[in-house]
């Protein structure tokens, strides 16, 4: 199963994102969607899982939850927008991780792509960065990976070019 993990588009949608996610079976969005129009293609074409972020309005918050917890191929996933990082989780997130015991914890918000193992609980922490043009990040990013035999494989960081340059 091929997964595209995205976040923080802030309403941006363009052909570069369609090309980058080609071949995926599911698209997961870690919040700051910005507009439903910017993700409508994903929900029409793919299995689409998303959470709302801090910039998202009531319409988006009614469509998507603050936190998603699900299992897929014997892996437990937790996704929320503002999550922090291993060793720097807010108390709400520490409680969520301790209760849910995920194999993979996904968040967005920072606009900085980061994948790392949490030494405290052992889960894989994933933040795809931002593929949008708003924010302080320099390079627009996302993650692609496969889930096979209950494991994350073929993990790729995808760079979409510089923020603010639309070709």
Protein backbone atom coordinates (compact mmCIF):
# COMPACT_ATOMS: atom_id res chain seq x y z
CA UNK A 1 0.00 0.00 0.00
CA UNK A 2 1.47 3.36 -1.07
CA UNK A 3 0.88 6.40 1.13
CA UNK A 4 1.36 10.11 0.43
CA UNK A 5 1.72 12.17 3.61
CA UNK A 6 1.15 15.92 3.27
CA UNK A 7 0.54 18.94 5.49
CA UNK A 8 0.28 22.70 5.66
CA UNK A 9 -0.78 23.56 2.13
CA UNK A 10 -2.76 26.61 3.42
CA UNK A 11 -5.15 26.41 0.47
CA UNK A 12 -2.53 25.74 -2.23
CA UNK A 13 -3.19 23.13 -4.88
CA UNK A 14 -1.16 22.72 -8.05
CA UNK A 15 -0.06 20.20 -10.67
CA UNK A 16 3.20 19.57 -8.81
CA UNK A 17 1.36 17.95 -5.91
CA UNK A 18 -0.71 15.76 -8.26
CA UNK A 19 2.48 14.53 -9.93
CA UNK A 20 4.25 13.94 -6.60
CA UNK A 21 1.38 11.78 -5.30
CA UNK A 22 0.86 9.77 -8.48
CA UNK A 23 0.59 6.07 -7.74
CA UNK A 24 -0.45 6.47 -4.10
CA UNK A 25 -3.32 4.42 -2.70
CA UNK A 26 -4.05 6.73 0.22
CA UNK A 27 -3.34 10.39 0.99
CA UNK A 28 -3.01 11.54 4.60
CA UNK A 29 -3.10 15.25 5.50
CA UNK A 30 -1.74 16.47 8.85
CA UNK A 31 -3.68 19.75 8.92
CA UNK A 32 -3.68 23.41 7.89
CA UNK A 33 -5.70 22.58 4.81
CA UNK A 34 -6.83 26.15 4.19
CA UNK A 35 -9.75 25.39 1.86
CA UNK A 36 -11.80 22.33 1.01
CA UNK A 37 -11.28 23.07 -2.70
CA UNK A 38 -7.54 22.52 -2.25
CA UNK A 39 -8.08 18.90 -1.14
CA UNK A 40 -11.25 17.93 -3.02
CA UNK A 41 -9.28 16.04 -5.68
CA UNK A 42 -7.67 13.90 -2.98
CA UNK A 43 -10.96 12.89 -1.41
CA UNK A 44 -12.43 12.08 -4.84
CA UNK A 45 -9.47 10.06 -6.14
CA UNK A 46 -7.92 8.44 -3.04
CA UNK A 47 -8.72 7.13 0.38
CA UNK A 48 -8.19 10.44 2.19
CA UNK A 49 -7.53 10.83 5.90
CA UNK A 50 -7.11 14.32 7.33
CA UNK A 51 -7.13 16.37 10.51
CA UNK A 52 -7.76 20.07 10.84
CA UNK A 53 -5.04 22.54 11.76
CA UNK A 54 -4.89 25.84 13.60
CA UNK A 55 -5.58 27.96 10.49
CA UNK A 56 -8.59 25.92 9.40
CA UNK A 57 -12.05 27.46 9.62
CA UNK A 58 -15.29 26.00 10.96
CA UNK A 59 -16.19 24.41 7.62
CA UNK A 60 -12.98 22.37 7.61
CA UNK A 61 -13.26 21.62 11.34
CA UNK A 62 -16.74 20.18 10.75
CA UNK A 63 -15.37 17.97 7.97
CA UNK A 64 -12.23 16.66 9.70
CA UNK A 65 -11.35 15.85 13.35
CA UNK A 66 -8.55 17.31 15.47
CA UNK A 67 -7.03 13.85 15.94
CA UNK A 68 -7.32 10.58 14.03
CA UNK A 69 -6.41 7.16 15.39
CA UNK A 70 -6.56 4.11 13.12
CA UNK A 71 -4.92 0.77 12.40
CA UNK A 72 -3.65 -0.41 9.07
CA UNK A 73 -1.82 -3.68 8.43
CA UNK A 74 -1.29 -4.19 12.18
CA UNK A 75 0.27 -0.73 12.62
CA UNK A 76 -1.41 1.85 14.85
CA UNK A 77 -1.33 5.46 13.63
CA UNK A 78 -2.12 8.69 15.47
CA UNK A 79 -2.33 11.94 13.51
CA UNK A 80 -2.91 15.48 14.77
CA UNK A 81 -1.74 18.88 13.55
CA UNK A 82 0.20 20.44 16.44
CA UNK A 83 2.26 17.66 17.93
CA UNK A 84 5.76 18.83 18.76
CA UNK A 85 8.72 16.46 18.58
CA UNK A 86 10.12 13.62 20.68
CA UNK A 87 11.40 15.08 23.93
CA UNK A 88 9.39 18.26 23.28
CA UNK A 89 5.79 17.08 23.17
CA UNK A 90 3.09 19.26 24.78
CA UNK A 91 1.33 17.57 27.73
CA UNK A 92 -1.80 16.86 25.64
CA UNK A 93 0.31 14.96 23.11
CA UNK A 94 2.25 13.04 25.75
CA UNK A 95 -1.06 11.89 27.23
CA UNK A 96 -2.39 10.95 23.77
CA UNK A 97 0.76 8.95 22.96
CA UNK A 98 0.76 7.21 26.34
CA UNK A 99 -2.92 6.24 25.98
CA UNK A 100 -2.98 5.32 22.27
CA UNK A 101 0.48 3.69 22.12
CA UNK A 102 0.95 4.31 18.39
CA UNK A 103 3.52 2.67 16.19
CA UNK A 104 3.56 5.89 14.13
CA UNK A 105 2.78 9.43 15.33
CA UNK A 106 2.10 12.00 12.58
CA UNK A 107 1.86 15.76 12.90
CA UNK A 108 2.38 18.92 10.86
CA UNK A 109 2.46 22.60 11.91
CA UNK A 110 6.23 23.24 11.94
CA UNK A 111 6.53 23.29 8.11
CA UNK A 112 9.80 21.36 8.59
CA UNK A 113 10.06 17.78 7.37
CA UNK A 114 11.32 15.46 10.09
CA UNK A 115 11.24 11.69 10.57
CA UNK A 116 12.71 10.20 13.71
CA UNK A 117 12.31 7.42 16.24
CA UNK A 118 11.02 8.49 19.65
CA UNK A 119 13.49 7.00 22.15
CA UNK A 120 10.96 7.27 25.00
CA UNK A 121 8.08 5.28 23.52
CA UNK A 122 9.69 3.72 20.44
CA UNK A 123 7.17 5.02 17.88
CA UNK A 124 8.15 6.52 14.55
CA UNK A 125 7.53 10.29 14.48
CA UNK A 126 6.69 11.75 11.04
CA UNK A 127 6.18 15.35 9.97
CA UNK A 128 5.97 15.86 6.18
CA UNK A 129 6.78 19.58 6.30
CA UNK A 130 4.71 21.87 4.09
CA UNK A 131 3.88 21.65 0.40
CA UNK A 132 2.22 25.07 0.45
CA UNK A 133 3.67 28.49 -0.30
CA UNK A 134 2.82 30.27 2.97
CA UNK A 135 5.16 30.13 5.94
CA UNK A 136 8.83 30.40 6.74
CA UNK A 137 10.02 27.10 5.22
CA UNK A 138 12.36 27.35 2.25
CA UNK A 139 11.68 24.07 0.44
CA UNK A 140 8.19 22.61 -0.02
CA UNK A 141 8.09 18.94 1.01
CA UNK A 142 6.00 15.82 1.54
CA UNK A 143 6.61 12.18 2.44
CA UNK A 144 5.88 9.03 0.46
CA UNK A 145 6.16 5.53 1.85
CA UNK A 146 4.77 2.05 1.63
CA UNK A 147 3.19 -0.14 4.25
CA UNK A 148 4.08 -3.74 3.64
CA UNK A 149 3.87 -6.67 6.03
CA UNK A 150 3.10 -4.36 8.96
CA UNK A 151 6.18 -2.22 8.35
CA UNK A 152 6.93 1.22 6.90
CA UNK A 153 9.15 0.74 3.83
CA UNK A 154 10.40 2.76 0.86
CA UNK A 155 10.26 6.04 2.82
CA UNK A 156 11.01 9.03 0.58
CA UNK A 157 11.27 12.73 1.33
CA UNK A 158 9.99 14.56 -1.75
CA UNK A 159 11.06 18.14 -2.46
CA UNK A 160 8.70 20.23 -4.60
CA UNK A 161 10.87 23.32 -5.03
CA UNK A 162 11.21 26.61 -3.25
CA UNK A 163 8.37 28.25 -1.39
CA UNK A 164 6.93 31.22 -3.25
CA UNK A 165 8.02 30.07 -6.71
CA UNK A 166 5.08 28.78 -8.73
CA UNK A 167 5.94 27.46 -12.17
